[in-house]
N, C-alpha and C. Protein backbone atom coordinates (compact mmCIF):
# COMPACT_ATOMS: atom_id res chain seq x y z
N MET A 1 0.79 -1.21 0.03
CA MET A 1 0.00 0.05 0.06
C MET A 1 0.69 1.25 0.09
N PHE A 2 0.48 2.45 0.74
CA PHE A 2 1.36 3.36 0.56
C PHE A 2 2.61 3.21 1.88
N ALA A 3 3.26 2.23 1.34
CA ALA A 3 4.21 1.63 2.37
C ALA A 3 5.56 2.14 2.07
N GLY A 4 5.62 3.71 2.06
CA GLY A 4 6.93 4.19 1.98
C GLY A 4 7.29 4.34 3.55
N GLY A 5 8.83 4.24 3.49
CA GLY A 5 9.21 4.40 4.92
C GLY A 5 10.04 3.09 5.38
N LYS A 6 10.37 3.07 6.46
CA LYS A 6 11.19 1.84 7.25
C LYS A 6 10.14 0.74 7.57
N ARG A 7 10.92 -0.43 7.84
CA ARG A 7 10.41 -1.54 8.32
C ARG A 7 9.64 -1.39 9.62
N LYS A 8 8.64 -2.29 9.88
CA LYS A 8 7.91 -1.92 11.41
C LYS A 8 8.88 -2.38 12.45
N SER A 9 9.96 -3.21 12.15
CA SER A 9 10.63 -3.47 13.29
C SER A 9 11.86 -2.61 13.53
N THR A 10 11.87 -1.55 12.68
CA THR A 10 12.62 -0.39 12.80
C THR A 10 11.99 0.92 13.17
N ARG A 11 11.17 0.78 13.82
CA ARG A 11 10.22 2.14 13.98
C ARG A 11 9.59 2.61 12.83
N ALA A 12 9.01 1.69 12.09
CA ALA A 12 8.73 1.94 10.83
C ALA A 12 7.95 3.32 10.48
N VAL A 13 8.25 3.78 9.30
CA VAL A 13 7.96 5.19 8.86
C VAL A 13 6.80 4.59 7.66
N VAL A 14 6.42 3.35 7.70
CA VAL A 14 5.73 2.83 6.60
C VAL A 14 4.53 3.72 6.29
N LEU A 15 4.17 4.27 5.17
CA LEU A 15 3.27 5.07 4.64
C LEU A 15 2.19 4.10 4.34
N VAL A 16 1.64 3.20 5.17
CA VAL A 16 0.66 2.40 4.61
C VAL A 16 -0.57 3.07 4.14
N VAL A 17 -0.88 3.11 2.87
CA VAL A 17 -1.41 3.95 2.26
C VAL A 17 -1.54 5.23 3.11
N ALA A 18 -0.13 4.05 3.56
CA ALA A 18 -0.59 4.53 4.31
C ALA A 18 -0.49 5.28 2.86
N VAL A 19 0.21 14.02 10.32
CA VAL A 19 0.40 13.81 10.50
C VAL A 19 -0.01 14.42 11.49
N ALA A 20 -0.91 14.71 13.17
CA ALA A 20 -1.29 15.84 14.15
C ALA A 20 -2.54 15.87 14.08
N SER A 21 -3.56 16.92 14.19
CA SER A 21 -4.61 16.83 14.53
C SER A 21 -5.31 18.02 13.82
N VAL A 22 -5.09 18.28 12.43
CA VAL A 22 -5.75 19.40 11.72
C VAL A 22 -6.55 18.63 10.51
N PRO A 23 -7.78 18.95 10.17
CA PRO A 23 -8.74 18.06 8.95
C PRO A 23 -7.70 18.23 7.69
N VAL A 24 -7.94 17.31 6.76
CA VAL A 24 -7.51 17.18 5.97
C VAL A 24 -7.96 18.06 4.74
N ALA A 25 -7.55 19.06 4.21
CA ALA A 25 -8.32 19.70 3.17
C ALA A 25 -8.49 19.24 1.93
N SER A 26 -9.94 19.18 1.36
CA SER A 26 -10.39 18.19 0.39
C SER A 26 -9.89 18.67 -0.97
N ALA A 27 -9.53 20.13 -0.91
CA ALA A 27 -9.32 20.39 -2.48
C ALA A 27 -7.71 20.96 -2.40
N LYS A 28 -7.00 20.23 -1.62
CA LYS A 28 -5.54 20.74 -1.99
C LYS A 28 -5.12 20.27 -3.22
N MET A 29 -3.94 20.76 -3.64
CA MET A 29 -3.58 20.39 -4.99
C MET A 29 -2.40 19.31 -4.64
N TYR A 30 -2.30 18.65 -5.78
CA TYR A 30 -1.26 17.57 -5.69
C TYR A 30 0.03 17.98 -5.96
N PRO A 31 1.14 17.83 -5.18
CA PRO A 31 2.52 18.15 -5.48
C PRO A 31 2.98 16.87 -6.46
N THR A 32 2.54 16.65 -7.46
CA THR A 32 2.95 15.31 -8.32
C THR A 32 4.45 15.26 -8.64
N PRO A 33 5.00 14.17 -8.68
CA PRO A 33 6.04 13.65 -9.10
C PRO A 33 6.45 14.30 -10.72
N GLU A 34 7.68 14.56 -10.86
CA GLU A 34 7.98 15.44 -12.34
C GLU A 34 7.61 14.35 -13.45
N THR A 35 7.78 13.11 -13.11
CA THR A 35 7.35 12.07 -14.10
C THR A 35 6.11 11.75 -14.24
N HIS A 36 5.15 12.27 -13.70
CA HIS A 36 3.86 11.99 -13.44
C HIS A 36 3.40 12.18 -14.91
N ALA A 37 2.28 11.22 -15.35
CA ALA A 37 1.94 10.99 -16.87
C ALA A 37 0.96 12.29 -17.19
N ILE A 38 0.28 12.91 -16.30
CA ILE A 38 -0.46 13.79 -16.51
C ILE A 38 -0.20 15.01 -15.81
N ASP A 39 1.42 15.55 -15.73
CA ASP A 39 1.62 16.49 -15.01
C ASP A 39 1.23 17.77 -15.68
N GLY A 40 1.06 18.77 -14.88
CA GLY A 40 0.66 20.18 -15.29
C GLY A 40 -0.95 20.31 -15.38
N THR A 41 -1.59 19.24 -15.04
CA THR A 41 -2.98 19.69 -14.91
C THR A 41 -3.45 20.37 -13.65
N GLU A 42 -4.65 21.09 -13.59
CA GLU A 42 -5.07 21.74 -12.57
C GLU A 42 -6.12 21.20 -11.93
N ALA A 43 -6.19 19.77 -11.92
CA ALA A 43 -7.21 19.00 -11.09
C ALA A 43 -7.16 19.20 -9.84
N THR A 44 -8.17 19.21 -9.04
CA THR A 44 -8.37 19.15 -7.62
C THR A 44 -8.98 17.74 -6.94
N VAL A 45 -8.69 17.40 -5.70
CA VAL A 45 -9.02 16.37 -5.44
C VAL A 45 -10.77 16.10 -5.57
N ASN A 46 -11.35 17.16 -5.54
CA ASN A 46 -12.82 17.04 -5.49
C ASN A 46 -13.47 17.41 -6.80
N GLU A 47 -12.44 17.44 -7.90
CA GLU A 47 -12.99 17.97 -9.17
C GLU A 47 -14.22 17.45 -9.75
N SER A 48 -13.96 15.73 -9.31
CA SER A 48 -15.63 14.90 -9.99
C SER A 48 -15.47 13.96 -9.01
N THR A 49 -15.88 13.90 -8.11
CA THR A 49 -16.05 12.59 -7.18
C THR A 49 -16.85 11.45 -7.69
N GLU A 50 -17.85 11.92 -8.34
CA GLU A 50 -18.84 10.76 -8.96
C GLU A 50 -18.02 9.93 -10.14
N GLY A 51 -17.22 10.98 -10.96
CA GLY A 51 -16.71 10.04 -12.06
C GLY A 51 -15.35 9.30 -11.47
N ALA A 52 -14.80 9.79 -10.39
CA ALA A 52 -13.57 9.03 -9.74
C ALA A 52 -14.26 7.94 -9.26
N LEU A 53 -15.40 7.77 -8.78
CA LEU A 53 -15.63 6.43 -8.16
C LEU A 53 -15.94 5.44 -9.04
N ARG A 54 -16.53 5.88 -10.27
CA ARG A 54 -16.60 5.06 -11.42
C ARG A 54 -15.36 4.50 -11.72
N ARG A 55 -14.44 5.33 -11.96
CA ARG A 55 -13.32 5.02 -12.37
C ARG A 55 -12.49 4.09 -11.39
N LEU A 56 -12.72 3.85 -10.15
CA LEU A 56 -12.31 3.08 -9.24
C LEU A 56 -12.39 1.74 -9.78
N SER A 57 -13.38 1.35 -10.44
CA SER A 57 -13.63 0.17 -10.64
C SER A 57 -12.52 -0.76 -11.68
N VAL A 58 -11.37 0.19 -12.10
CA VAL A 58 -10.34 -0.50 -12.77
C VAL A 58 -9.44 -1.03 -11.91
N LEU A 59 -9.66 -0.98 -10.53
CA LEU A 59 -8.57 -1.63 -9.55
C LEU A 59 -9.32 -2.83 -9.09
N ILE A 60 -10.56 -3.01 -9.29
CA ILE A 60 -11.41 -4.34 -8.78
C ILE A 60 -10.56 -5.42 -9.21
N GLY A 61 -10.34 -6.46 -8.18
CA GLY A 61 -9.77 -7.62 -8.36
C GLY A 61 -8.91 -8.04 -7.43
N GLU A 62 -7.95 -9.19 -7.89
CA GLU A 62 -6.86 -9.45 -7.36
C GLU A 62 -5.65 -9.41 -7.93
N TRP A 63 -4.53 -8.90 -7.23
CA TRP A 63 -3.25 -8.52 -7.64
C TRP A 63 -2.07 -9.25 -7.17
N THR A 64 -1.12 -9.38 -7.58
CA THR A 64 0.18 -9.69 -7.09
C THR A 64 1.09 -8.58 -7.11
N THR A 65 1.91 -8.36 -6.30
CA THR A 65 2.76 -7.17 -6.13
C THR A 65 4.24 -7.39 -5.55
N LYS A 66 4.84 -6.66 -6.49
CA LYS A 66 6.44 -6.91 -6.36
C LYS A 66 6.93 -5.49 -6.28
N SER A 67 8.10 -5.57 -5.03
CA SER A 67 8.02 -4.18 -4.53
C SER A 67 9.90 -4.14 -4.19
N THR A 68 10.15 -2.89 -3.95
CA THR A 68 11.61 -2.59 -3.60
C THR A 68 11.62 -1.75 -2.56
N HIS A 69 12.41 -1.60 -1.74
CA HIS A 69 12.33 -0.54 -0.60
C HIS A 69 13.97 -0.26 -0.38
N PRO A 70 14.28 0.95 -0.20
CA PRO A 70 15.61 1.26 0.34
C PRO A 70 16.14 0.77 1.72
N ALA A 71 15.08 0.44 2.62
CA ALA A 71 15.38 -0.05 3.83
C ALA A 71 15.85 -1.39 3.83
N VAL A 72 15.43 -2.14 2.48
CA VAL A 72 15.79 -3.54 2.34
C VAL A 72 16.69 -3.66 0.96
N PRO A 73 17.73 -2.99 0.79
CA PRO A 73 18.41 -2.89 -0.52
C PRO A 73 18.64 -4.29 -1.36
N GLY A 74 18.24 -4.72 -2.46
CA GLY A 74 18.55 -6.00 -3.11
C GLY A 74 17.73 -6.75 -2.97
N THR A 75 16.73 -6.52 -2.28
CA THR A 75 15.54 -7.52 -1.74
C THR A 75 14.32 -7.29 -2.47
N VAL A 76 13.79 -8.26 -3.19
CA VAL A 76 12.51 -8.01 -3.78
C VAL A 76 11.42 -8.58 -2.92
N ILE A 77 10.52 -7.88 -2.75
CA ILE A 77 9.27 -7.94 -1.70
C ILE A 77 8.02 -8.35 -2.61
N HIS A 78 7.51 -9.60 -2.24
CA HIS A 78 6.39 -10.13 -3.11
C HIS A 78 5.19 -10.03 -1.99
N GLY A 79 4.14 -9.89 -2.70
CA GLY A 79 2.86 -9.62 -1.87
C GLY A 79 1.69 -9.98 -2.64
N GLN A 80 0.56 -9.52 -2.03
CA GLN A 80 -0.89 -9.72 -2.67
C GLN A 80 -1.68 -8.45 -2.44
N ALA A 81 -2.55 -7.99 -3.28
CA ALA A 81 -3.44 -6.88 -3.03
C ALA A 81 -4.81 -7.35 -3.74
N THR A 82 -6.09 -6.94 -2.90
CA THR A 82 -7.39 -7.35 -3.31
C THR A 82 -8.07 -6.00 -3.45
N PHE A 83 -8.77 -5.47 -4.35
CA PHE A 83 -9.87 -4.27 -4.05
C PHE A 83 -11.19 -4.98 -4.58
N GLU A 84 -12.12 -4.53 -3.76
CA GLU A 84 -13.57 -5.02 -3.76
C GLU A 84 -14.49 -3.97 -3.32
N TRP A 85 -15.65 -3.95 -4.14
CA TRP A 85 -16.58 -2.77 -3.53
C TRP A 85 -17.65 -3.25 -2.46
N LEU A 86 -17.67 -2.19 -1.30
CA LEU A 86 -18.55 -2.51 -0.44
C LEU A 86 -20.00 -2.52 -1.18
N GLU A 87 -20.85 -3.42 -0.66
CA GLU A 87 -22.14 -3.37 -1.22
C GLU A 87 -22.85 -1.85 -1.63
N GLY A 88 -23.37 -1.54 -2.65
CA GLY A 88 -23.74 0.08 -3.06
C GLY A 88 -22.85 0.73 -3.68
N GLU A 89 -21.45 0.18 -3.87
CA GLU A 89 -20.52 0.51 -4.85
C GLU A 89 -20.19 2.01 -4.41
N ARG A 90 -20.02 2.49 -3.04
CA ARG A 90 -19.81 3.90 -2.77
C ARG A 90 -18.48 4.02 -2.01
N PHE A 91 -17.90 2.63 -1.49
CA PHE A 91 -16.53 2.62 -0.99
C PHE A 91 -16.01 1.40 -1.55
N LEU A 92 -14.71 1.60 -1.73
CA LEU A 92 -13.87 0.55 -2.26
C LEU A 92 -12.95 0.04 -1.27
N ILE A 93 -12.92 -1.45 -0.86
CA ILE A 93 -11.98 -1.96 0.24
C ILE A 93 -10.88 -2.48 -0.52
N TRP A 94 -9.82 -2.01 0.02
CA TRP A 94 -8.43 -2.40 -0.43
C TRP A 94 -7.79 -3.03 0.88
N ARG A 95 -7.17 -4.30 0.54
CA ARG A 95 -6.47 -5.13 1.48
C ARG A 95 -4.92 -5.31 0.61
N GLU A 96 -3.92 -5.55 1.50
CA GLU A 96 -2.65 -5.65 0.91
C GLU A 96 -1.63 -6.30 1.99
N ARG A 97 -1.00 -7.17 1.60
CA ARG A 97 -0.07 -7.71 2.65
C ARG A 97 1.11 -8.19 1.61
N ALA A 98 2.43 -8.04 2.55
CA ALA A 98 3.51 -8.46 1.66
C ALA A 98 4.13 -9.83 2.53
N ASP A 99 4.79 -10.54 1.77
CA ASP A 99 5.51 -11.83 2.23
C ASP A 99 6.51 -11.51 2.93
N LEU A 100 7.02 -10.56 3.14
CA LEU A 100 8.15 -10.11 4.32
C LEU A 100 7.63 -9.65 5.47
N PRO A 101 7.97 -10.41 6.74
CA PRO A 101 7.11 -10.08 8.03
C PRO A 101 7.32 -8.82 8.46
N ASP A 102 8.53 -7.95 8.02
CA ASP A 102 8.84 -6.66 8.51
C ASP A 102 7.99 -5.61 8.03
N PHE A 103 7.22 -6.03 7.28
CA PHE A 103 6.16 -5.14 6.40
C PHE A 103 4.73 -5.25 7.12
N PRO A 104 3.92 -4.23 7.39
CA PRO A 104 2.86 -4.39 8.00
C PRO A 104 1.47 -4.65 7.21
N ASP A 105 0.79 -5.54 7.65
CA ASP A 105 -0.63 -5.81 6.76
C ASP A 105 -1.21 -4.50 6.75
N SER A 106 -2.30 -4.19 5.66
CA SER A 106 -3.06 -3.24 5.87
C SER A 106 -4.50 -3.17 5.14
N ILE A 107 -5.44 -2.45 5.60
CA ILE A 107 -6.50 -2.42 4.93
C ILE A 107 -7.01 -0.75 4.57
N ALA A 108 -7.61 -0.55 3.90
CA ALA A 108 -7.93 0.93 3.27
C ALA A 108 -9.22 0.76 3.05
N ILE A 109 -10.24 1.96 3.24
CA ILE A 109 -11.57 2.38 2.40
C ILE A 109 -11.13 3.63 1.67
N ILE A 110 -11.59 3.28 0.33
CA ILE A 110 -11.61 4.58 -0.52
C ILE A 110 -12.85 4.83 -0.91
N GLY A 111 -13.42 6.23 -0.79
CA GLY A 111 -14.52 6.76 -0.99
C GLY A 111 -14.75 8.24 -0.56
N ASP A 112 -16.12 8.61 -1.08
CA ASP A 112 -16.16 10.23 -0.81
C ASP A 112 -16.41 10.54 0.52
N THR A 113 -15.42 11.09 1.19
CA THR A 113 -15.40 11.67 2.60
C THR A 113 -14.97 12.69 2.48
N ASP A 114 -15.84 13.96 2.13
CA ASP A 114 -15.23 15.40 1.87
C ASP A 114 -14.12 15.33 0.95
N GLY A 115 -14.67 14.81 -0.40
CA GLY A 115 -13.87 14.73 -1.50
C GLY A 115 -13.36 13.14 -1.61
N LEU A 116 -12.58 12.69 -2.45
CA LEU A 116 -12.15 11.27 -2.64
C LEU A 116 -11.07 11.13 -1.81
N GLN A 117 -10.95 10.18 -0.66
CA GLN A 117 -9.94 9.96 0.08
C GLN A 117 -10.08 8.57 0.58
N THR A 118 -8.77 8.17 0.87
CA THR A 118 -8.36 6.90 1.41
C THR A 118 -8.31 6.88 2.86
N HIS A 119 -8.94 6.13 3.62
CA HIS A 119 -8.56 5.89 4.93
C HIS A 119 -7.91 4.69 5.26
N SER A 120 -6.84 4.50 5.82
CA SER A 120 -5.82 3.60 5.79
C SER A 120 -5.36 3.07 7.25
N PHE A 121 -5.79 1.79 7.61
CA PHE A 121 -5.17 1.20 8.84
C PHE A 121 -4.32 0.11 8.54
N ASP A 122 -3.28 0.05 9.66
CA ASP A 122 -2.33 -1.11 9.50
C ASP A 122 -2.22 -1.92 10.53
N SER A 123 -1.51 -3.02 10.42
CA SER A 123 -1.15 -3.96 11.75
C SER A 123 -0.28 -3.53 12.81
N ARG A 124 0.23 -2.33 12.52
CA ARG A 124 0.94 -1.49 13.68
C ARG A 124 0.05 -0.53 14.57
N GLY A 125 -1.34 -0.32 14.11
CA GLY A 125 -2.07 0.55 14.56
C GLY A 125 -2.20 2.08 14.25
N VAL A 126 -1.30 2.08 13.10
CA VAL A 126 -1.17 3.28 12.17
C VAL A 126 -2.62 3.60 11.51
N TYR A 127 -3.01 4.74 11.65
CA TYR A 127 -4.06 5.14 10.88
C TYR A 127 -3.95 6.47 10.23
N ARG A 128 -4.11 6.52 8.74
CA ARG A 128 -3.83 7.81 8.14
C ARG A 128 -4.88 8.24 6.94
N VAL A 129 -5.18 9.48 6.58
CA VAL A 129 -6.34 9.93 5.80
C VAL A 129 -5.40 10.54 4.41
N VAL A 130 -5.68 9.97 3.22
CA VAL A 130 -4.86 10.01 2.04
C VAL A 130 -5.74 10.81 1.07
N GLU A 131 -5.60 11.97 0.56
CA GLU A 131 -6.24 12.35 -0.81
C GLU A 131 -5.96 11.69 -2.07
N THR A 132 -7.09 11.21 -2.82
CA THR A 132 -6.88 10.30 -3.76
C THR A 132 -7.49 10.91 -5.05
N ARG A 133 -6.79 10.52 -6.05
CA ARG A 133 -7.21 10.93 -7.47
C ARG A 133 -7.11 9.87 -8.48
N ILE A 134 -7.87 9.64 -9.34
CA ILE A 134 -7.56 8.19 -10.34
C ILE A 134 -8.11 8.85 -11.66
N SER A 135 -7.34 8.57 -12.71
CA SER A 135 -7.72 8.89 -14.16
C SER A 135 -7.52 7.84 -14.91
N ASP A 136 -7.70 8.02 -16.28
CA ASP A 136 -7.38 6.84 -17.09
C ASP A 136 -6.05 6.56 -17.07
N GLU A 137 -5.23 7.48 -17.01
CA GLU A 137 -3.69 7.21 -16.94
C GLU A 137 -3.13 6.74 -15.68
N ALA A 138 -3.61 7.21 -14.50
CA ALA A 138 -2.77 7.07 -13.32
C ALA A 138 -3.85 7.04 -12.28
N TRP A 139 -3.38 6.28 -11.09
CA TRP A 139 -3.70 6.47 -9.68
C TRP A 139 -3.19 6.93 -9.00
N GLU A 140 -3.39 8.00 -8.07
CA GLU A 140 -2.57 8.75 -7.40
C GLU A 140 -3.01 8.96 -5.94
N TYR A 141 -2.22 9.13 -4.99
CA TYR A 141 -2.51 9.88 -3.78
C TYR A 141 -1.53 10.62 -3.20
N PHE A 142 -2.07 11.55 -2.34
CA PHE A 142 -1.06 12.46 -1.76
C PHE A 142 -1.51 12.42 -0.12
N MET A 143 -0.43 12.33 0.69
CA MET A 143 -0.65 12.43 2.25
C MET A 143 -0.11 13.54 2.76
N PRO A 144 -0.86 14.79 3.06
CA PRO A 144 -0.23 16.00 3.99
C PRO A 144 0.11 15.62 5.44
N ARG A 145 1.22 16.25 5.74
CA ARG A 145 1.79 15.91 6.84
C ARG A 145 0.67 15.93 8.00
N GLU A 146 -0.22 17.08 7.94
CA GLU A 146 -1.39 17.01 8.98
C GLU A 146 -2.30 16.07 8.65
N GLN A 147 -2.46 15.41 9.85
CA GLN A 147 -3.40 14.39 9.75
C GLN A 147 -4.30 14.32 10.94
N PRO A 148 -5.60 13.75 10.74
CA PRO A 148 -6.62 14.17 11.85
C PRO A 148 -6.29 13.00 13.12
N SER A 149 -5.47 12.19 13.03
CA SER A 149 -5.06 11.27 14.01
C SER A 149 -3.88 11.22 14.64
N ASP A 150 -3.38 11.09 15.73
CA ASP A 150 -2.25 11.13 16.52
C ASP A 150 -1.60 9.76 16.32
N THR A 151 -2.22 8.90 15.69
CA THR A 151 -1.52 7.73 15.50
C THR A 151 -1.10 7.48 13.92
N ALA A 152 -0.97 8.65 13.15
CA ALA A 152 -0.25 8.55 11.87
C ALA A 152 0.77 8.25 11.51
N PHE A 153 1.75 8.35 12.50
CA PHE A 153 3.26 7.74 12.43
C PHE A 153 3.39 6.68 13.50
N ALA A 154 4.35 5.80 13.32
CA ALA A 154 4.81 4.75 14.25
C ALA A 154 5.70 5.67 14.98
N ASP A 155 5.51 5.17 16.42
CA ASP A 155 6.16 5.79 17.65
C ASP A 155 7.79 5.97 17.31
N GLY A 156 8.04 7.33 17.71
CA GLY A 156 9.81 7.79 17.49
C GLY A 156 10.01 8.06 15.92
N THR A 157 9.14 8.21 15.09
CA THR A 157 9.30 8.52 13.61
C THR A 157 8.87 10.00 13.56
N PRO A 158 9.62 10.83 12.70
CA PRO A 158 9.02 12.18 12.53
C PRO A 158 7.93 11.95 11.53
N GLY A 159 7.36 13.18 11.55
CA GLY A 159 6.29 13.50 10.51
C GLY A 159 6.62 13.96 9.02
N PHE A 160 6.08 13.30 8.16
CA PHE A 160 6.53 13.74 6.67
C PHE A 160 5.24 13.53 5.77
N SER A 161 5.25 14.09 4.76
CA SER A 161 4.26 14.16 3.42
C SER A 161 4.89 13.14 2.67
N GLY A 162 3.68 12.48 2.05
CA GLY A 162 4.16 11.16 1.04
C GLY A 162 3.23 11.56 0.00
N ARG A 163 3.35 10.94 -1.44
CA ARG A 163 2.78 10.84 -2.45
C ARG A 163 2.97 9.60 -3.23
N PHE A 164 2.31 9.30 -3.79
CA PHE A 164 2.19 8.08 -5.18
C PHE A 164 1.44 8.37 -6.16
N VAL A 165 2.59 7.83 -7.38
CA VAL A 165 1.80 8.02 -8.76
C VAL A 165 1.82 6.12 -9.30
N GLY A 166 0.81 5.99 -9.71
CA GLY A 166 0.63 4.33 -10.17
C GLY A 166 0.00 4.49 -11.65
N THR A 167 1.12 4.29 -12.53
CA THR A 167 0.72 4.42 -14.08
C THR A 167 0.10 3.23 -14.64
N PHE A 168 -0.95 3.29 -15.01
CA PHE A 168 -1.64 2.15 -15.88
C PHE A 168 -1.01 1.45 -17.08
N GLU A 169 -0.60 0.29 -17.29
CA GLU A 169 -0.10 -0.13 -18.51
C GLU A 169 -0.81 -1.47 -18.55
N ASP A 170 -0.50 -2.02 -19.85
CA ASP A 170 -1.13 -3.42 -20.38
C ASP A 170 -2.67 -3.43 -20.30
N GLY A 171 -3.22 -2.50 -20.79
CA GLY A 171 -4.83 -2.27 -20.79
C GLY A 171 -5.35 -2.15 -19.50
N GLY A 172 -4.80 -1.62 -18.46
CA GLY A 172 -5.25 -1.62 -16.89
C GLY A 172 -4.84 -3.00 -16.20
N ASN A 173 -3.99 -3.95 -16.63
CA ASN A 173 -3.76 -5.01 -15.81
C ASN A 173 -2.33 -4.83 -14.76
N THR A 174 -1.94 -3.95 -15.55
CA THR A 174 -0.51 -3.58 -14.54
C THR A 174 -0.48 -2.17 -14.03
N ILE A 175 -0.07 -1.92 -13.04
CA ILE A 175 0.39 -0.64 -12.30
C ILE A 175 1.68 -0.40 -11.77
N VAL A 176 2.43 0.72 -12.38
CA VAL A 176 3.83 0.75 -12.01
C VAL A 176 3.71 1.84 -11.13
N GLY A 177 3.79 1.61 -9.89
CA GLY A 177 3.99 2.82 -8.73
C GLY A 177 5.12 3.18 -7.87
N ARG A 178 5.14 4.50 -7.88
CA ARG A 178 6.46 4.91 -7.06
C ARG A 178 5.74 5.87 -5.92
N VAL A 179 6.50 5.68 -4.62
CA VAL A 179 6.18 6.29 -3.31
C VAL A 179 7.18 7.47 -3.42
N GLN A 180 7.09 8.80 -2.85
CA GLN A 180 8.16 9.67 -2.49
C GLN A 180 7.65 10.19 -1.16
N LEU A 181 8.50 10.55 -0.44
CA LEU A 181 8.57 11.28 0.90
C LEU A 181 9.17 12.42 0.97
N SER A 182 8.82 13.37 1.86
CA SER A 182 9.26 14.58 2.03
C SER A 182 9.12 14.88 3.48
N TYR A 183 10.27 15.53 4.14
CA TYR A 183 10.17 15.80 5.55
C TYR A 183 10.17 17.59 5.72
N ASP A 184 10.20 18.08 4.57
CA ASP A 184 10.07 19.63 4.62
C ASP A 184 9.07 19.93 3.52
N ASP A 185 8.38 19.26 2.68
CA ASP A 185 7.46 19.67 1.75
C ASP A 185 7.95 20.15 0.44
N GLU A 186 9.28 20.17 0.19
CA GLU A 186 10.28 20.76 -0.63
C GLU A 186 10.94 19.58 -1.38
N ASN A 187 11.74 18.85 -0.63
CA ASN A 187 12.69 17.96 -1.15
C ASN A 187 11.89 16.62 -1.11
N TRP A 188 11.95 15.73 -2.13
CA TRP A 188 11.35 14.56 -2.03
C TRP A 188 12.27 13.37 -2.41
N GLN A 189 12.11 12.38 -1.89
CA GLN A 189 13.07 11.42 -1.84
C GLN A 189 12.15 9.98 -2.31
N ASP A 190 12.57 9.35 -3.46
CA ASP A 190 11.91 8.03 -3.75
C ASP A 190 12.12 7.10 -2.43
N ASP A 191 10.67 6.27 -2.58
CA ASP A 191 10.79 5.48 -1.21
C ASP A 191 10.49 4.24 -2.04
N LEU A 192 9.28 3.52 -1.67
CA LEU A 192 8.64 2.24 -1.90
C LEU A 192 8.29 2.40 -3.48
N GLN A 193 8.79 1.37 -4.27
CA GLN A 193 8.21 1.04 -5.47
C GLN A 193 7.72 0.01 -5.99
N THR A 194 6.42 -0.05 -6.20
CA THR A 194 5.62 -1.32 -6.49
C THR A 194 4.94 -1.38 -7.91
N THR A 195 5.19 -2.71 -8.14
CA THR A 195 4.41 -3.04 -9.50
C THR A 195 3.35 -3.94 -9.07
N TYR A 196 2.02 -3.72 -9.46
CA TYR A 196 0.76 -4.49 -9.30
C TYR A 196 0.63 -5.25 -10.61
N ARG A 197 0.42 -6.44 -10.68
CA ARG A 197 -0.11 -7.20 -11.72
C ARG A 197 -1.25 -8.02 -11.37
N ARG A 198 -2.62 -7.70 -12.16
CA ARG A 198 -3.82 -8.39 -11.90
C ARG A 198 -3.51 -9.89 -12.28
N MET A 199 -4.03 -10.85 -11.17
CA MET A 199 -3.98 -12.10 -11.34
C MET A 199 -4.96 -12.75 -12.59
N SER A 200 -6.09 -12.27 -12.77
CA SER A 200 -6.69 -12.67 -13.88
C SER A 200 -7.07 -11.39 -14.79
N ALA A 201 -6.51 -11.62 -16.21
CA ALA A 201 -6.54 -10.24 -16.88
C ALA A 201 -8.09 -9.57 -17.06
N ARG A 202 -7.98 -8.41 -17.13
CA ARG A 202 -9.35 -7.46 -17.12
C ARG A 202 -9.89 -7.68 -18.47
N ARG A 203 -10.94 -7.65 -18.47
CA ARG A 203 -11.82 -7.76 -20.09
C ARG A 203 -12.64 -6.93 -19.98
N ASP A 204 -12.55 -5.88 -20.75
CA ASP A 204 -13.71 -4.74 -20.97
C ASP A 204 -14.95 -5.22 -21.81
């Protein structure tokens, strides 16, 4: 998931989909990475929530994940992710786990909660709210440093902002994603990189 940061056994900074007690702004602009496929757009988080909810359907299904992380150089981390609608198709349930025990399991709910947002929970007790956007080209989320929960960061770790861009490839059956972190909202560093591959090919 938004698993940027260190492993849970090392005071994880893991951004499981993932920081203080200020509400998340629903119309905050995305500071997207320079390689973002739709860089330069003026879209805001709540530009078209209904349309975004419909586009979330591209994520539905079971996926394998293959990740690399600076905390474990030279290691390829395998895992699984699933996406399914809650009945009514207003909220998407996202579950993810890694086969490496040092990385926490997580569950997230994506839906319109004052704009399209992802509410993320992991096995360490970390809870985060992430601003979310999805288009035909990419799935993105941005985590501002200010969070509505005091459990947004693992004990002993500094607060940070995080962003993710996952580019759709292979007709939507592959997502190539990159997480970046910033401790000052100016300088961004690469963190978790994950490729999602759909277990059963999507057929439109």
